[in-house]
Protein backbone atom coordinates (compact mmCIF):
# COMPACT_ATOMS: atom_id res chain seq x y z
CA UNK A 1 9.45 22.64 -12.86
CA UNK A 2 12.65 20.91 -11.66
CA UNK A 3 10.96 17.52 -11.46
CA UNK A 4 9.78 18.02 -15.07
CA UNK A 5 13.45 18.29 -16.09
CA UNK A 6 15.14 15.86 -13.67
CA UNK A 7 12.29 13.47 -13.05
CA UNK A 8 11.38 11.80 -9.76
CA UNK A 9 13.51 9.03 -8.28
CA UNK A 10 13.50 6.85 -5.19
CA UNK A 11 16.08 7.89 -2.61
CA UNK A 12 16.88 7.18 1.04
CA UNK A 13 14.30 9.86 1.90
CA UNK A 14 11.58 8.44 -0.38
CA UNK A 15 10.33 9.45 -3.81
CA UNK A 16 11.28 12.91 -5.01
CA UNK A 17 13.59 15.12 -7.06
CA UNK A 18 17.29 14.33 -6.58
CA UNK A 19 19.47 17.43 -6.32
CA UNK A 20 22.90 15.95 -5.64
CA UNK A 21 24.63 13.89 -2.99
CA UNK A 22 23.96 13.26 0.68
CA UNK A 23 26.78 14.31 2.97
CA UNK A 24 27.73 15.14 6.53
CA UNK A 25 29.38 18.36 7.62
CA UNK A 26 32.84 17.58 8.98
CA UNK A 27 33.94 21.17 9.60
CA UNK A 28 31.29 23.94 9.72
CA UNK A 29 32.01 27.14 7.83
CA UNK A 30 31.39 29.00 4.62
CA UNK A 31 32.19 27.83 1.10
CA UNK A 32 32.82 30.27 -1.72
CA UNK A 33 32.92 29.82 -5.48
CA UNK A 34 36.37 28.50 -6.40
CA UNK A 35 37.09 26.93 -2.98
CA UNK A 36 38.74 23.53 -3.15
CA UNK A 37 36.48 20.82 -1.70
CA UNK A 38 37.56 17.36 -0.60
CA UNK A 39 35.39 14.49 0.57
CA UNK A 40 36.39 13.19 4.02
CA UNK A 41 37.39 10.00 2.20
CA UNK A 42 38.28 10.13 -1.45
CA UNK A 43 40.00 12.33 -4.03
CA UNK A 44 40.07 16.12 -4.13
CA UNK A 45 37.38 17.76 -6.26
CA UNK A 46 39.00 20.56 -8.29
CA UNK A 47 37.05 23.56 -9.56
CA UNK A 48 35.90 23.42 -13.19
């Protein structure tokens, strides 16, 4: 169902449905709705 909507694309893991970005965990823990997230390098992502 998701691949019908998003299609299939080539990625670093092969062909499949892309769901977002690849990342590494810098500091383990829980994330809640509304938490401010910041890439290890780059600008702060503010909640919508």
